[in-house]
Amino acid sequence: MTDVSEGVRLVWPGKHPIEVTGRYRLQSIQPAEVIKMDMPGRSMPLYSASMPNIPEDPNHNFLIQGDCREAMLALLPEYEGQIDLIYIDPPYATGGEFGHPETVGYSDRCVGADYLQMMYERLQLMHRLLAPTGSIYIHLDWRMNCHIRLIMDEIFGADCFQREIIWRIGWVSGYKSCARNWIRNHDTILFYSRNSRSFTFNKTYLPYREGYRRRDGRKPFGKGWPLEDTWNCSQEDRLDSIQIMSFSSEKTGYPTQKNENLLTRILETSSNPGDLVADFFCGSGTTLAVADKLNRRWIGCDIGKEAVSIAVSRLAGAVTFDIYRIVE
């Protein structure tokens, strides 16, 4: 029997595969070239200003300022097949801009065929960078999740699709609750593996609530309830978005920041201590901060100078890392 997805391709004007060139490299820069925030009482990490290329230290962490397409092309010679886990929270093709009135956090004006081509090229490079047992999580909303899934099926293979995770954002109030429609209250996270059968996965369990009994009245045994592909949908699984928490100490001011417990779940499940984790749309650096706390090595990249500045401030004093720019 033929899989119905076999041979299905998404087509758009100007579609073409990524051209892999060797003209990009990474050049070390000083934090003063990107940092814009004064963080009293926090010491800056140590940076290597003398290294023109990627160092060979296997425990090296680094942050890249620039377009992740060029960054990944620069990484390919040393890191092809080496990254154990990739999480990305890319633009959603909203057509807008996000940030404060005085400064734009990032632009999301790439839409339509331009957006599809932009993601198509970058996902091809992520596929090449993933380790044989690696996985990738792509965080999207309703606008482009179905398009990206078709692109992922083409690049990774439909058999490497593992799950579509539904992340309930949390309680709803204000104008969203007034919609004359079903209230939209979730994001989608697509989970693919590099190999359809062999990939890192540490099964997650939610602990039984106090006083819980089985149907026969006996106490439960085992690790708890195995986590489903719908998140933040019960009292046992509280995973509200940081965006609806008015007083969260995690908030950096970056407009689309994701919460650390969300990334903790993904990193603990699909990587192990010492593994290499990457986020090529890293924004405020949540993935990187969580990777450091969980003893994972990391690579971060963002095209926005403000995003890199916030990430540098957030990570300062917690971990030693280098910052790079992309040069031809």
C-alpha atoms as a PDB file:
ATOM      1  CA  MET A   1       0.000   0.000   0.000  1.00  0.00           C
ATOM      2  CA  THR A   2       1.393   3.405  -0.955  1.00  0.00           C
ATOM      3  CA  ASP A   3       1.561   6.137   1.685  1.00  0.00           C
ATOM      4  CA  VAL A   4      -0.809   8.924   0.626  1.00  0.00           C
ATOM      5  CA  SER A   5       1.898  11.471   1.444  1.00  0.00           C
ATOM      6  CA  GLU A   6       4.419   9.863  -0.881  1.00  0.00           C
ATOM      7  CA  GLY A   7       5.314  12.221  -3.695  1.00  0.00           C
ATOM      8  CA  VAL A   8       3.237  15.124  -2.310  1.00  0.00           C
ATOM      9  CA  ARG A   9       5.074  18.427  -2.703  1.00  0.00           C
ATOM     10  CA  LEU A  10       4.218  22.025  -1.942  1.00  0.00           C
ATOM     11  CA  VAL A  11       4.961  24.271  -4.924  1.00  0.00           C
ATOM     12  CA  TRP A  12       5.317  28.059  -5.027  1.00  0.00           C
ATOM     13  CA  PRO A  13       6.714  30.603  -7.505  1.00  0.00           C
ATOM     14  CA  GLY A  14      10.502  30.627  -7.454  1.00  0.00           C
ATOM     15  CA  LYS A  15      10.943  27.417  -5.458  1.00  0.00           C
ATOM     16  CA  HIS A  16      14.524  26.147  -5.567  1.00  0.00           C
ATOM     17  CA  PRO A  17      16.832  24.179  -3.257  1.00  0.00           C
ATOM     18  CA  ILE A  18      19.504  25.861  -1.190  1.00  0.00           C
ATOM     19  CA  GLU A  19      22.800  26.476  -2.941  1.00  0.00           C
ATOM     20  CA  VAL A  20      25.524  25.337  -0.572  1.00  0.00           C
ATOM     21  CA  THR A  21      28.548  27.594  -0.846  1.00  0.00           C
ATOM     22  CA  GLY A  22      31.692  27.891   1.206  1.00  0.00           C
ATOM     23  CA  ARG A  23      31.951  31.649   1.148  1.00  0.00           C
ATOM     24  CA  TYR A  24      30.634  32.344   4.656  1.00  0.00           C
ATOM     25  CA  ARG A  25      32.597  32.135   7.876  1.00  0.00           C
ATOM     26  CA  LEU A  26      32.207  33.276  11.473  1.00  0.00           C
ATOM     27  CA  GLN A  27      34.256  36.065  12.962  1.00  0.00           C
ATOM     28  CA  SER A  28      34.529  36.627  16.711  1.00  0.00           C
ATOM     29  CA  ILE A  29      33.293  39.969  18.030  1.00  0.00           C
ATOM     30  CA  GLN A  30      33.220  41.695  21.401  1.00  0.00           C
ATOM     31  CA  PRO A  31      30.036  41.951  23.493  1.00  0.00           C
ATOM     32  CA  ALA A  32      30.289  45.753  23.334  1.00  0.00           C
ATOM     33  CA  GLU A  33      29.417  45.505  19.632  1.00  0.00           C
ATOM     34  CA  VAL A  34      25.976  44.110  20.424  1.00  0.00           C
ATOM     35  CA  ILE A  35      25.209  44.807  24.079  1.00  0.00           C
ATOM     36  CA  LYS A  36      22.824  47.684  24.706  1.00  0.00           C
ATOM     37  CA  MET A  37      21.600  47.034  28.226  1.00  0.00           C
ATOM     38  CA  ASP A  38      23.163  48.007  31.509  1.00  0.00           C
ATOM     39  CA  MET A  39      22.847  45.085  33.912  1.00  0.00           C
ATOM     40  CA  PRO A  40      24.237  46.303  37.277  1.00  0.00           C
ATOM     41  CA  GLY A  41      25.805  43.691  39.453  1.00  0.00           C
ATOM     42  CA  ARG A  42      26.257  41.142  36.675  1.00  0.00           C
ATOM     43  CA  SER A  43      29.681  40.384  35.290  1.00  0.00           C
ATOM     44  CA  MET A  44      30.098  39.758  31.581  1.00  0.00           C
ATOM     45  CA  PRO A  45      31.275  36.318  30.451  1.00  0.00           C
ATOM     46  CA  LEU A  46      34.677  35.697  28.981  1.00  0.00           C
ATOM     47  CA  TYR A  47      34.935  36.093  25.213  1.00  0.00           C
ATOM     48  CA  SER A  48      37.625  35.090  22.759  1.00  0.00           C
ATOM     49  CA  ALA A  49      38.343  38.010  20.438  1.00  0.00           C
ATOM     50  CA  SER A  50      41.321  36.405  18.737  1.00  0.00           C
ATOM     51  CA  MET A  51      39.658  33.398  17.089  1.00  0.00           C
ATOM     52  CA  PRO A  52      38.680  34.156  13.485  1.00  0.00           C
ATOM     53  CA  ASN A  53      37.036  30.758  12.951  1.00  0.00           C
ATOM     54  CA  ILE A  54      35.003  28.239  14.927  1.00  0.00           C
ATOM     55  CA  PRO A  55      37.141  26.739  17.726  1.00  0.00           C
ATOM     56  CA  GLU A  56      37.551  22.996  18.093  1.00  0.00           C
ATOM     57  CA  ASP A  57      36.658  22.900  21.787  1.00  0.00           C
ATOM     58  CA  PRO A  58      33.830  20.324  22.031  1.00  0.00           C
ATOM     59  CA  ASN A  59      32.332  22.160  25.035  1.00  0.00           C
ATOM     60  CA  HIS A  60      32.198  25.469  23.231  1.00  0.00           C
ATOM     61  CA  ASN A  61      29.001  27.547  23.343  1.00  0.00           C
ATOM     62  CA  PHE A  62      28.453  30.423  20.967  1.00  0.00           C
ATOM     63  CA  LEU A  63      25.950  32.973  19.782  1.00  0.00           C
ATOM     64  CA  ILE A  64      25.830  34.200  16.183  1.00  0.00           C
ATOM     65  CA  GLN A  65      24.458  37.556  15.124  1.00  0.00           C
ATOM     66  CA  GLY A  66      23.104  37.425  11.576  1.00  0.00           C
ATOM     67  CA  ASP A  67      20.868  35.522   9.172  1.00  0.00           C
ATOM     68  CA  CYS A  68      20.733  31.863  10.172  1.00  0.00           C
ATOM     69  CA  ARG A  69      20.963  30.842   6.505  1.00  0.00           C
ATOM     70  CA  GLU A  70      24.478  32.240   6.225  1.00  0.00           C
ATOM     71  CA  ALA A  71      25.299  31.074   9.753  1.00  0.00           C
ATOM     72  CA  MET A  72      24.399  27.471   8.966  1.00  0.00           C
ATOM     73  CA  LEU A  73      26.358  27.573   5.720  1.00  0.00           C
ATOM     74  CA  ALA A  74      29.359  28.648   7.796  1.00  0.00           C
ATOM     75  CA  LEU A  75      28.704  25.851  10.303  1.00  0.00           C
ATOM     76  CA  LEU A  76      28.357  23.016   7.783  1.00  0.00           C
ATOM     77  CA  PRO A  77      32.066  22.169   7.356  1.00  0.00           C
ATOM     78  CA  GLU A  78      32.525  21.514  11.097  1.00  0.00           C
ATOM     79  CA  TYR A  79      29.025  20.688  12.321  1.00  0.00           C
ATOM     80  CA  GLU A  80      27.281  18.675   9.605  1.00  0.00           C
ATOM     81  CA  GLY A  81      25.574  15.746  11.328  1.00  0.00           C
ATOM     82  CA  GLN A  82      26.695  16.945  14.774  1.00  0.00           C
ATOM     83  CA  ILE A  83      23.703  18.729  16.334  1.00  0.00           C
ATOM     84  CA  ASP A  84      21.582  16.504  18.582  1.00  0.00           C
ATOM     85  CA  LEU A  85      18.523  18.723  18.914  1.00  0.00           C
ATOM     86  CA  ILE A  86      17.193  21.800  17.130  1.00  0.00           C
ATOM     87  CA  TYR A  87      14.329  23.932  18.424  1.00  0.00           C
ATOM     88  CA  ILE A  88      13.160  26.915  16.389  1.00  0.00           C
ATOM     89  CA  ASP A  89      10.457  29.501  16.934  1.00  0.00           C
ATOM     90  CA  PRO A  90      10.621  31.201  13.515  1.00  0.00           C
ATOM     91  CA  PRO A  91       8.521  34.112  12.244  1.00  0.00           C
ATOM     92  CA  TYR A  92       4.870  33.190  11.713  1.00  0.00           C
ATOM     93  CA  ALA A  93       4.244  35.164   8.486  1.00  0.00           C
ATOM     94  CA  THR A  94       1.973  37.609  10.276  1.00  0.00           C
ATOM     95  CA  GLY A  95       2.967  40.520   8.039  1.00  0.00           C
ATOM     96  CA  GLY A  96       3.697  42.731  11.046  1.00  0.00           C
ATOM     97  CA  GLU A  97       6.529  43.935  13.234  1.00  0.00           C
ATOM     98  CA  PHE A  98       7.054  43.223  16.900  1.00  0.00           C
ATOM     99  CA  GLY A  99       8.733  45.267  19.582  1.00  0.00           C
ATOM    100  CA  HIS A 100       8.462  48.522  21.493  1.00  0.00           C
ATOM    101  CA  PRO A 101       7.344  51.813  19.922  1.00  0.00           C
ATOM    102  CA  GLU A 102      10.910  53.105  19.890  1.00  0.00           C
ATOM    103  CA  THR A 103      12.509  49.948  18.509  1.00  0.00           C
ATOM    104  CA  VAL A 104      11.470  46.924  16.457  1.00  0.00           C
ATOM    105  CA  GLY A 105      12.220  43.551  18.062  1.00  0.00           C
ATOM    106  CA  TYR A 106      11.979  41.810  14.724  1.00  0.00           C
ATOM    107  CA  SER A 107      10.182  42.083  11.427  1.00  0.00           C
ATOM    108  CA  ASP A 108       7.683  39.416  10.363  1.00  0.00           C
ATOM    109  CA  ARG A 109       6.861  40.907   6.976  1.00  0.00           C
ATOM    110  CA  CYS A 110       8.087  37.925   4.944  1.00  0.00           C
ATOM    111  CA  VAL A 111       4.872  36.263   3.741  1.00  0.00           C
ATOM    112  CA  GLY A 112       3.544  34.068   0.935  1.00  0.00           C
ATOM    113  CA  ALA A 113       6.016  32.489  -1.471  1.00  0.00           C
ATOM    114  CA  ASP A 114       8.892  34.501   0.028  1.00  0.00           C
ATOM    115  CA  TYR A 115       8.218  33.002   3.443  1.00  0.00           C
ATOM    116  CA  LEU A 116       8.002  29.460   2.066  1.00  0.00           C
ATOM    117  CA  GLN A 117      11.308  29.830   0.218  1.00  0.00           C
ATOM    118  CA  MET A 118      12.953  31.376   3.265  1.00  0.00           C
ATOM    119  CA  MET A 119      11.955  28.438   5.466  1.00  0.00           C
ATOM    120  CA  TYR A 120      12.601  25.836   2.753  1.00  0.00           C
ATOM    121  CA  GLU A 121      16.253  26.830   2.433  1.00  0.00           C
ATOM    122  CA  ARG A 122      16.860  26.995   6.159  1.00  0.00           C
ATOM    123  CA  LEU A 123      15.140  23.704   6.946  1.00  0.00           C
ATOM    124  CA  GLN A 124      17.308  21.966   4.342  1.00  0.00           C
ATOM    125  CA  LEU A 125      20.397  23.188   6.183  1.00  0.00           C
ATOM    126  CA  MET A 126      19.014  22.122   9.574  1.00  0.00           C
ATOM    127  CA  HIS A 127      18.416  18.656   8.142  1.00  0.00           C
ATOM    128  CA  ARG A 128      22.086  18.437   7.182  1.00  0.00           C
ATOM    129  CA  LEU A 129      23.272  19.699  10.572  1.00  0.00           C
ATOM    130  CA  LEU A 130      21.210  17.229  12.610  1.00  0.00           C
ATOM    131  CA  ALA A 131      22.933  14.154  14.021  1.00  0.00           C
ATOM    132  CA  PRO A 132      21.708  10.703  12.848  1.00  0.00           C
ATOM    133  CA  THR A 133      19.727  10.318  16.102  1.00  0.00           C
ATOM    134  CA  GLY A 134      18.787  14.012  16.297  1.00  0.00           C
ATOM    135  CA  SER A 135      15.382  15.686  16.390  1.00  0.00           C
ATOM    136  CA  ILE A 136      13.890  19.040  15.481  1.00  0.00           C
ATOM    137  CA  TYR A 137      10.937  20.925  17.003  1.00  0.00           C
ATOM    138  CA  ILE A 138       9.342  23.738  14.983  1.00  0.00           C
ATOM    139  CA  HIS A 139       7.090  26.123  16.909  1.00  0.00           C
ATOM    140  CA  LEU A 140       4.328  27.665  14.750  1.00  0.00           C
ATOM    141  CA  ASP A 141       0.764  28.905  14.852  1.00  0.00           C
ATOM    142  CA  TRP A 142      -2.227  28.368  12.554  1.00  0.00           C
ATOM    143  CA  ARG A 143      -0.909  30.503   9.687  1.00  0.00           C
ATOM    144  CA  MET A 144       1.880  28.306   8.310  1.00  0.00           C
ATOM    145  CA  ASN A 145       1.911  25.049  10.274  1.00  0.00           C
ATOM    146  CA  CYS A 146       0.285  23.018   7.474  1.00  0.00           C
ATOM    147  CA  HIS A 147       2.633  24.512   4.853  1.00  0.00           C
ATOM    148  CA  ILE A 148       5.734  23.817   6.923  1.00  0.00           C
ATOM    149  CA  ARG A 149       4.624  20.254   7.579  1.00  0.00           C
ATOM    150  CA  LEU A 150       4.509  19.575   3.828  1.00  0.00           C
ATOM    151  CA  ILE A 151       7.959  21.129   3.430  1.00  0.00           C
ATOM    152  CA  MET A 152       9.274  19.019   6.314  1.00  0.00           C
ATOM    153  CA  ASP A 153       7.799  15.862   4.772  1.00  0.00           C
ATOM    154  CA  GLU A 154       9.685  16.683   1.574  1.00  0.00           C
ATOM    155  CA  ILE A 155      13.025  17.370   3.271  1.00  0.00           C
ATOM    156  CA  PHE A 156      12.991  14.863   6.139  1.00  0.00           C
ATOM    157  CA  GLY A 157      10.567  12.294   4.754  1.00  0.00           C
ATOM    158  CA  ALA A 158       7.001  11.768   5.920  1.00  0.00           C
ATOM    159  CA  ASP A 159       8.102   8.747   7.970  1.00  0.00           C
ATOM    160  CA  CYS A 160      10.280  11.025  10.102  1.00  0.00           C
ATOM    161  CA  PHE A 161       7.256  12.979  11.302  1.00  0.00           C
ATOM    162  CA  GLN A 162       6.767  11.979  14.938  1.00  0.00           C
ATOM    163  CA  ARG A 163       4.063  14.154  16.510  1.00  0.00           C
ATOM    164  CA  GLU A 164       2.076  17.337  16.152  1.00  0.00           C
ATOM    165  CA  ILE A 165       2.128  18.818  19.654  1.00  0.00           C
ATOM    166  CA  ILE A 166      -0.698  21.141  20.650  1.00  0.00           C
ATOM    167  CA  TRP A 167       0.440  23.653  23.268  1.00  0.00           C
ATOM    168  CA  ARG A 168      -2.489  25.347  24.976  1.00  0.00           C
ATOM    169  CA  ILE A 169      -1.322  28.890  25.684  1.00  0.00           C
ATOM    170  CA  GLY A 170      -3.347  29.325  28.887  1.00  0.00           C
ATOM    171  CA  TRP A 171      -6.315  31.282  30.201  1.00  0.00           C
ATOM    172  CA  VAL A 172      -8.013  33.693  27.806  1.00  0.00           C
ATOM    173  CA  SER A 173      -9.248  37.198  28.569  1.00  0.00           C
ATOM    174  CA  GLY A 174      -9.791  40.537  26.858  1.00  0.00           C
ATOM    175  CA  TYR A 175     -10.422  40.909  23.146  1.00  0.00           C
ATOM    176  CA  LYS A 176      -9.567  37.283  22.347  1.00  0.00           C
ATOM    177  CA  SER A 177     -12.547  36.097  24.390  1.00  0.00           C
ATOM    178  CA  CYS A 178     -14.906  38.350  22.394  1.00  0.00           C
ATOM    179  CA  ALA A 179     -14.344  36.613  19.057  1.00  0.00           C
ATOM    180  CA  ARG A 180     -17.532  35.431  17.357  1.00  0.00           C
ATOM    181  CA  ASN A 181     -15.922  32.066  16.771  1.00  0.00           C
ATOM    182  CA  TRP A 182     -14.196  29.251  18.632  1.00  0.00           C
ATOM    183  CA  ILE A 183     -11.566  30.915  20.802  1.00  0.00           C
ATOM    184  CA  ARG A 184      -8.085  30.225  19.417  1.00  0.00           C
ATOM    185  CA  ASN A 185      -5.820  29.309  22.303  1.00  0.00           C
ATOM    186  CA  HIS A 186      -2.966  27.121  21.109  1.00  0.00           C
ATOM    187  CA  ASP A 187       0.259  26.953  19.151  1.00  0.00           C
ATOM    188  CA  THR A 188       1.504  23.954  17.177  1.00  0.00           C
ATOM    189  CA  ILE A 189       4.922  22.355  17.608  1.00  0.00           C
ATOM    190  CA  LEU A 190       5.978  19.957  14.848  1.00  0.00           C
ATOM    191  CA  PHE A 191       8.307  17.186  16.019  1.00  0.00           C
ATOM    192  CA  TYR A 192      10.457  15.405  13.411  1.00  0.00           C
ATOM    193  CA  SER A 193      13.431  13.095  13.804  1.00  0.00           C
ATOM    194  CA  ARG A 194      16.439  12.720  11.495  1.00  0.00           C
ATOM    195  CA  ASN A 195      15.892   8.957  11.429  1.00  0.00           C
ATOM    196  CA  SER A 196      12.365   7.569  11.559  1.00  0.00           C
ATOM    197  CA  ARG A 197      13.140   4.833  14.087  1.00  0.00           C
ATOM    198  CA  SER A 198      16.322   5.759  15.918  1.00  0.00           C
ATOM    199  CA  PHE A 199      16.216   9.021  17.859  1.00  0.00           C
ATOM    200  CA  THR A 200      16.759  10.258  21.402  1.00  0.00           C
ATOM    201  CA  PHE A 201      13.549  10.242  23.435  1.00  0.00           C
ATOM    202  CA  ASN A 202      13.366  10.236  27.221  1.00  0.00           C
ATOM    203  CA  LYS A 203       9.723   9.560  28.031  1.00  0.00           C
ATOM    204  CA  THR A 204       8.133  12.132  30.339  1.00  0.00           C
ATOM    205  CA  TYR A 205       5.611  11.384  33.085  1.00  0.00           C
ATOM    206  CA  LEU A 206       3.356  13.686  35.073  1.00  0.00           C
ATOM    207  CA  PRO A 207       3.304  12.744  38.768  1.00  0.00           C
ATOM    208  CA  TYR A 208       0.039  11.424  40.169  1.00  0.00           C
ATOM    209  CA  ARG A 209      -1.923  14.025  42.088  1.00  0.00           C
ATOM    210  CA  GLU A 210      -2.112  13.639  45.853  1.00  0.00           C
ATOM    211  CA  GLY A 211      -4.849  11.216  46.841  1.00  0.00           C
ATOM    212  CA  TYR A 212      -5.250   9.753  43.357  1.00  0.00           C
ATOM    213  CA  ARG A 213      -6.611   6.215  43.238  1.00  0.00           C
ATOM    214  CA  ARG A 214      -7.096   3.751  40.403  1.00  0.00           C
ATOM    215  CA  ARG A 215     -10.576   2.650  39.358  1.00  0.00           C
ATOM    216  CA  ASP A 216     -10.283  -0.370  41.626  1.00  0.00           C
ATOM    217  CA  GLY A 217      -9.524   1.913  44.583  1.00  0.00           C
ATOM    218  CA  ARG A 218      -5.872   0.972  44.905  1.00  0.00           C
ATOM    219  CA  LYS A 219      -2.966   3.383  44.920  1.00  0.00           C
ATOM    220  CA  PRO A 220      -1.305   3.852  41.533  1.00  0.00           C
ATOM    221  CA  PHE A 221       2.067   2.372  40.776  1.00  0.00           C
ATOM    222  CA  GLY A 222       4.618   3.426  38.202  1.00  0.00           C
ATOM    223  CA  LYS A 223       6.115   6.781  37.282  1.00  0.00           C
ATOM    224  CA  GLY A 224       2.892   8.671  36.675  1.00  0.00           C
ATOM    225  CA  TRP A 225       0.767   9.642  33.670  1.00  0.00           C
ATOM    226  CA  PRO A 226       2.786   9.486  30.440  1.00  0.00           C
ATOM    227  CA  LEU A 227       2.747  12.913  28.828  1.00  0.00           C
ATOM    228  CA  GLU A 228       0.482  13.268  25.800  1.00  0.00           C
ATOM    229  CA  ASP A 229       0.872  15.426  22.693  1.00  0.00           C
ATOM    230  CA  THR A 230      -1.518  18.023  24.131  1.00  0.00           C
ATOM    231  CA  TRP A 231       0.275  20.238  26.657  1.00  0.00           C
ATOM    232  CA  ASN A 232      -1.056  22.509  29.384  1.00  0.00           C
ATOM    233  CA  CYS A 233      -4.477  20.897  29.258  1.00  0.00           C
ATOM    234  CA  SER A 234      -4.882  19.760  32.868  1.00  0.00           C
ATOM    235  CA  GLN A 235      -4.129  20.841  36.429  1.00  0.00           C
ATOM    236  CA  GLU A 236      -1.292  18.300  36.507  1.00  0.00           C
ATOM    237  CA  ASP A 237       0.332  19.863  33.457  1.00  0.00           C
ATOM    238  CA  ARG A 238       0.623  23.595  34.090  1.00  0.00           C
ATOM    239  CA  LEU A 239       2.579  25.126  31.242  1.00  0.00           C
ATOM    240  CA  ASP A 240       1.025  28.553  30.634  1.00  0.00           C
ATOM    241  CA  SER A 241       2.691  30.924  28.202  1.00  0.00           C
ATOM    242  CA  ILE A 242       4.926  33.543  29.763  1.00  0.00           C
ATOM    243  CA  GLN A 243       3.053  36.136  27.683  1.00  0.00           C
ATOM    244  CA  ILE A 244      -0.019  35.876  29.923  1.00  0.00           C
ATOM    245  CA  MET A 245       1.958  36.049  33.187  1.00  0.00           C
ATOM    246  CA  SER A 246       2.033  39.694  34.212  1.00  0.00           C
ATOM    247  CA  PHE A 247       4.754  39.380  36.834  1.00  0.00           C
ATOM    248  CA  SER A 248       6.980  36.562  35.610  1.00  0.00           C
ATOM    249  CA  SER A 249      10.615  37.042  36.646  1.00  0.00           C
ATOM    250  CA  GLU A 250      11.688  35.403  33.369  1.00  0.00           C
ATOM    251  CA  LYS A 251      10.431  38.254  31.196  1.00  0.00           C
ATOM    252  CA  THR A 252      13.119  40.053  29.216  1.00  0.00           C
ATOM    253  CA  GLY A 253      10.894  42.406  27.228  1.00  0.00           C
ATOM    254  CA  TYR A 254      11.357  40.489  23.983  1.00  0.00           C
ATOM    255  CA  PRO A 255       7.930  40.371  22.309  1.00  0.00           C
ATOM    256  CA  THR A 256       7.688  36.655  21.447  1.00  0.00           C
ATOM    257  CA  GLN A 257       9.681  35.171  24.316  1.00  0.00           C
ATOM    258  CA  LYS A 258       8.853  31.568  25.229  1.00  0.00           C
ATOM    259  CA  ASN A 259       8.943  30.238  28.778  1.00  0.00           C
ATOM    260  CA  GLU A 260      11.750  28.152  30.194  1.00  0.00           C
ATOM    261  CA  ASN A 261       9.561  25.274  31.396  1.00  0.00           C
ATOM    262  CA  LEU A 262       8.388  24.721  27.809  1.00  0.00           C
ATOM    263  CA  LEU A 263      11.975  24.432  26.564  1.00  0.00           C
ATOM    264  CA  THR A 264      12.960  22.367  29.589  1.00  0.00           C
ATOM    265  CA  ARG A 265      10.383  19.778  28.584  1.00  0.00           C
ATOM    266  CA  ILE A 266      11.658  19.591  25.021  1.00  0.00           C
ATOM    267  CA  LEU A 267      15.356  19.493  25.927  1.00  0.00           C
ATOM    268  CA  GLU A 268      14.973  16.912  28.678  1.00  0.00           C
ATOM    269  CA  THR A 269      12.913  14.677  26.406  1.00  0.00           C
ATOM    270  CA  SER A 270      14.918  14.861  23.174  1.00  0.00           C
ATOM    271  CA  SER A 271      18.507  15.346  24.346  1.00  0.00           C
ATOM    272  CA  ASN A 272      20.888  14.147  27.024  1.00  0.00           C
ATOM    273  CA  PRO A 273      23.476  15.951  29.173  1.00  0.00           C
ATOM    274  CA  GLY A 274      26.477  16.888  27.054  1.00  0.00           C
ATOM    275  CA  ASP A 275      24.476  16.906  23.810  1.00  0.00           C
ATOM    276  CA  LEU A 276      24.626  19.821  21.389  1.00  0.00           C
ATOM    277  CA  VAL A 277      21.440  21.900  21.116  1.00  0.00           C
ATOM    278  CA  ALA A 278      20.814  24.673  18.561  1.00  0.00           C
ATOM    279  CA  ASP A 279      18.247  27.424  18.113  1.00  0.00           C
ATOM    280  CA  PHE A 280      18.609  29.356  14.864  1.00  0.00           C
ATOM    281  CA  PHE A 281      15.838  31.865  15.648  1.00  0.00           C
ATOM    282  CA  CYS A 282      16.867  32.208  19.275  1.00  0.00           C
ATOM    283  CA  GLY A 283      15.247  35.561  20.103  1.00  0.00           C
ATOM    284  CA  SER A 284      15.830  36.367  23.769  1.00  0.00           C
ATOM    285  CA  GLY A 285      17.873  33.190  24.294  1.00  0.00           C
ATOM    286  CA  THR A 286      15.444  30.966  26.228  1.00  0.00           C
ATOM    287  CA  THR A 287      16.700  27.771  24.558  1.00  0.00           C
ATOM    288  CA  LEU A 288      20.290  28.712  25.325  1.00  0.00           C
ATOM    289  CA  ALA A 289      19.591  29.562  28.968  1.00  0.00           C
ATOM    290  CA  VAL A 290      17.763  26.270  29.490  1.00  0.00           C
ATOM    291  CA  ALA A 291      20.462  24.288  27.681  1.00  0.00           C
ATOM    292  CA  ASP A 292      23.061  25.722  30.031  1.00  0.00           C
ATOM    293  CA  LYS A 293      21.019  24.850  33.120  1.00  0.00           C
ATOM    294  CA  LEU A 294      20.559  21.290  31.838  1.00  0.00           C
ATOM    295  CA  ASN A 295      24.246  20.794  31.015  1.00  0.00           C
ATOM    296  CA  ARG A 296      23.793  20.823  27.249  1.00  0.00           C
ATOM    297  CA  ARG A 297      26.146  22.536  24.823  1.00  0.00           C
ATOM    298  CA  TRP A 298      24.493  25.122  22.618  1.00  0.00           C
ATOM    299  CA  ILE A 299      24.594  27.234  19.455  1.00  0.00           C
ATOM    300  CA  GLY A 300      22.284  30.230  19.110  1.00  0.00           C
ATOM    301  CA  CYS A 301      21.638  32.547  16.194  1.00  0.00           C
ATOM    302  CA  ASP A 302      19.371  35.512  15.514  1.00  0.00           C
ATOM    303  CA  ILE A 303      19.297  38.148  12.813  1.00  0.00           C
ATOM    304  CA  GLY A 304      18.053  40.845  15.197  1.00  0.00           C
ATOM    305  CA  LYS A 305      20.652  42.926  16.991  1.00  0.00           C
ATOM    306  CA  GLU A 306      18.209  43.624  19.806  1.00  0.00           C
ATOM    307  CA  ALA A 307      17.547  39.901  20.254  1.00  0.00           C
ATOM    308  CA  VAL A 308      21.265  39.094  20.465  1.00  0.00           C
ATOM    309  CA  SER A 309      21.762  41.983  22.875  1.00  0.00           C
ATOM    310  CA  ILE A 310      19.028  40.684  25.183  1.00  0.00           C
ATOM    311  CA  ALA A 311      20.384  37.123  24.973  1.00  0.00           C
ATOM    312  CA  VAL A 312      23.898  38.307  25.841  1.00  0.00           C
ATOM    313  CA  SER A 313      22.594  40.208  28.873  1.00  0.00           C
ATOM    314  CA  ARG A 314      20.497  37.249  29.948  1.00  0.00           C
ATOM    315  CA  LEU A 315      23.361  34.766  29.736  1.00  0.00           C
ATOM    316  CA  ALA A 316      26.042  37.058  31.173  1.00  0.00           C
ATOM    317  CA  GLY A 317      27.586  35.677  34.325  1.00  0.00           C
ATOM    318  CA  ALA A 318      25.904  32.294  33.939  1.00  0.00           C
ATOM    319  CA  VAL A 319      28.005  30.722  31.202  1.00  0.00           C
ATOM    320  CA  THR A 320      31.132  31.309  29.159  1.00  0.00           C
ATOM    321  CA  PHE A 321      30.484  31.730  25.453  1.00  0.00           C
ATOM    322  CA  ASP A 322      31.638  33.597  22.371  1.00  0.00           C
ATOM    323  CA  ILE A 323      29.782  35.876  19.988  1.00  0.00           C
ATOM    324  CA  TYR A 324      30.268  35.773  16.240  1.00  0.00           C
ATOM    325  CA  ARG A 325      29.202  37.729  13.210  1.00  0.00           C
ATOM    326  CA  ILE A 326      28.951  36.323   9.704  1.00  0.00           C
ATOM    327  CA  VAL A 327      31.435  37.490   7.100  1.00  0.00           C
ATOM    328  CA  GLU A 328      32.088  36.540   3.477  1.00  0.00           C
END
